[in-house]
């Protein structure tokens, strides 16, 4: 997953890997902020809105939480708040 700005909107670019990559092409999810760290979006294959949360652990490691997954931040800026 890669968060990026396009035309003033925050998009999450998702590139499936592993077995999903064979069946699901890459896609973008427009993220709509509810707070500084909580956003919602609806992937093209979804029928309902999903939540996305940026957070930082006490040791400074940053993550994006979506569904049952916590994806570590590897570069760039994390929204303020935690």
C-alpha atoms as a PDB file:
ATOM      1  CA  UNK A   1       0.000   0.000   0.000  1.00  0.00           C
ATOM      2  CA  UNK A   2       1.148   3.498  -0.801  1.00  0.00           C
ATOM      3  CA  UNK A   3      -0.620   6.664   0.350  1.00  0.00           C
ATOM      4  CA  UNK A   4      -0.402   9.549  -2.115  1.00  0.00           C
ATOM      5  CA  UNK A   5      -2.061  12.878  -2.861  1.00  0.00           C
ATOM      6  CA  UNK A   6      -3.822  13.365  -6.195  1.00  0.00           C
ATOM      7  CA  UNK A   7      -5.754  16.548  -6.980  1.00  0.00           C
ATOM      8  CA  UNK A   8      -5.916  17.361  -3.255  1.00  0.00           C
ATOM      9  CA  UNK A   9      -7.385  13.950  -2.339  1.00  0.00           C
ATOM     10  CA  UNK A  10      -5.585  11.284  -0.325  1.00  0.00           C
ATOM     11  CA  UNK A  11      -5.485   7.984  -2.190  1.00  0.00           C
ATOM     12  CA  UNK A  12      -4.314   4.619  -1.019  1.00  0.00           C
ATOM     13  CA  UNK A  13      -2.752   2.742  -3.927  1.00  0.00           C
ATOM     14  CA  UNK A  14      -3.025  -0.987  -3.236  1.00  0.00           C
ATOM     15  CA  UNK A  15      -0.970  -3.551  -5.142  1.00  0.00           C
ATOM     16  CA  UNK A  16      -1.979  -7.086  -4.157  1.00  0.00           C
ATOM     17  CA  UNK A  17       0.834  -9.597  -3.636  1.00  0.00           C
ATOM     18  CA  UNK A  18       1.029 -13.343  -3.218  1.00  0.00           C
ATOM     19  CA  UNK A  19      -1.915 -15.465  -4.390  1.00  0.00           C
ATOM     20  CA  UNK A  20      -4.196 -12.398  -4.599  1.00  0.00           C
ATOM     21  CA  UNK A  21      -1.969 -10.780  -7.229  1.00  0.00           C
ATOM     22  CA  UNK A  22      -3.061 -13.393  -9.751  1.00  0.00           C
ATOM     23  CA  UNK A  23      -6.744 -12.524  -9.327  1.00  0.00           C
ATOM     24  CA  UNK A  24      -6.861  -8.886  -8.295  1.00  0.00           C
ATOM     25  CA  UNK A  25      -5.255  -5.960 -10.159  1.00  0.00           C
ATOM     26  CA  UNK A  26      -3.820  -2.916  -8.384  1.00  0.00           C
ATOM     27  CA  UNK A  27      -6.426  -0.319  -7.389  1.00  0.00           C
ATOM     28  CA  UNK A  28      -6.842   3.047  -5.662  1.00  0.00           C
ATOM     29  CA  UNK A  29      -9.055   3.855  -2.679  1.00  0.00           C
ATOM     30  CA  UNK A  30      -9.940   7.502  -2.030  1.00  0.00           C
ATOM     31  CA  UNK A  31      -9.585   8.084   1.711  1.00  0.00           C
ATOM     32  CA  UNK A  32     -11.972  10.526   3.387  1.00  0.00           C
ATOM     33  CA  UNK A  33     -10.730  11.896   6.719  1.00  0.00           C
ATOM     34  CA  UNK A  34     -12.916  11.640   9.805  1.00  0.00           C
ATOM     35  CA  UNK A  35     -10.105  12.923  12.065  1.00  0.00           C
ATOM     36  CA  UNK A  36      -6.346  13.511  11.837  1.00  0.00           C
ATOM     37  CA  UNK A  37      -5.653   9.772  11.954  1.00  0.00           C
ATOM     38  CA  UNK A  38      -8.945   8.004  11.090  1.00  0.00           C
ATOM     39  CA  UNK A  39     -10.180   7.776   7.512  1.00  0.00           C
ATOM     40  CA  UNK A  40     -12.777   5.826   5.543  1.00  0.00           C
ATOM     41  CA  UNK A  41     -12.691   4.556   1.993  1.00  0.00           C
ATOM     42  CA  UNK A  42     -14.477   2.135  -0.291  1.00  0.00           C
ATOM     43  CA  UNK A  43     -12.303  -0.037  -2.528  1.00  0.00           C
ATOM     44  CA  UNK A  44     -13.731  -0.655  -6.015  1.00  0.00           C
ATOM     45  CA  UNK A  45     -14.612  -4.263  -5.112  1.00  0.00           C
ATOM     46  CA  UNK A  46     -16.271  -3.400  -1.767  1.00  0.00           C
ATOM     47  CA  UNK A  47     -19.956  -2.810  -1.102  1.00  0.00           C
ATOM     48  CA  UNK A  48     -19.402  -0.931   2.164  1.00  0.00           C
ATOM     49  CA  UNK A  49     -17.106   1.713   3.616  1.00  0.00           C
ATOM     50  CA  UNK A  50     -13.971   0.497   5.400  1.00  0.00           C
ATOM     51  CA  UNK A  51     -11.917   2.248   8.079  1.00  0.00           C
ATOM     52  CA  UNK A  52      -8.220   3.082   7.836  1.00  0.00           C
ATOM     53  CA  UNK A  53      -6.255   4.346  10.845  1.00  0.00           C
ATOM     54  CA  UNK A  54      -2.750   5.800  11.033  1.00  0.00           C
ATOM     55  CA  UNK A  55      -1.098   5.348  14.412  1.00  0.00           C
ATOM     56  CA  UNK A  56       2.286   5.348  16.111  1.00  0.00           C
ATOM     57  CA  UNK A  57       3.431   2.963  18.846  1.00  0.00           C
ATOM     58  CA  UNK A  58       5.181   4.333  21.972  1.00  0.00           C
ATOM     59  CA  UNK A  59       8.523   3.193  20.507  1.00  0.00           C
ATOM     60  CA  UNK A  60       7.969   5.428  17.437  1.00  0.00           C
ATOM     61  CA  UNK A  61       7.051   2.759  14.892  1.00  0.00           C
ATOM     62  CA  UNK A  62       4.204   3.937  12.632  1.00  0.00           C
ATOM     63  CA  UNK A  63       1.464   1.812  11.053  1.00  0.00           C
ATOM     64  CA  UNK A  64      -1.615   1.934   8.870  1.00  0.00           C
ATOM     65  CA  UNK A  65      -4.337  -0.292  10.287  1.00  0.00           C
ATOM     66  CA  UNK A  66      -6.999  -1.622   7.944  1.00  0.00           C
ATOM     67  CA  UNK A  67      -9.262  -4.568   8.656  1.00  0.00           C
ATOM     68  CA  UNK A  68      -7.262  -7.108  10.627  1.00  0.00           C
ATOM     69  CA  UNK A  69      -3.918  -5.904   9.272  1.00  0.00           C
ATOM     70  CA  UNK A  70      -1.353  -3.465  10.577  1.00  0.00           C
ATOM     71  CA  UNK A  71       1.011  -2.389   7.797  1.00  0.00           C
ATOM     72  CA  UNK A  72       4.276  -0.773   8.955  1.00  0.00           C
ATOM     73  CA  UNK A  73       5.264   2.600   7.545  1.00  0.00           C
ATOM     74  CA  UNK A  74       8.461   2.401   5.535  1.00  0.00           C
ATOM     75  CA  UNK A  75       8.893   6.014   4.305  1.00  0.00           C
ATOM     76  CA  UNK A  76       7.210   9.405   4.192  1.00  0.00           C
ATOM     77  CA  UNK A  77       5.168  11.285   6.785  1.00  0.00           C
ATOM     78  CA  UNK A  78       2.551   9.970   9.220  1.00  0.00           C
ATOM     79  CA  UNK A  79      -0.465  12.164  10.075  1.00  0.00           C
ATOM     80  CA  UNK A  80      -0.155  13.854  13.485  1.00  0.00           C
ATOM     81  CA  UNK A  81      -1.919  12.458  16.540  1.00  0.00           C
ATOM     82  CA  UNK A  82      -1.893   8.880  17.766  1.00  0.00           C
END
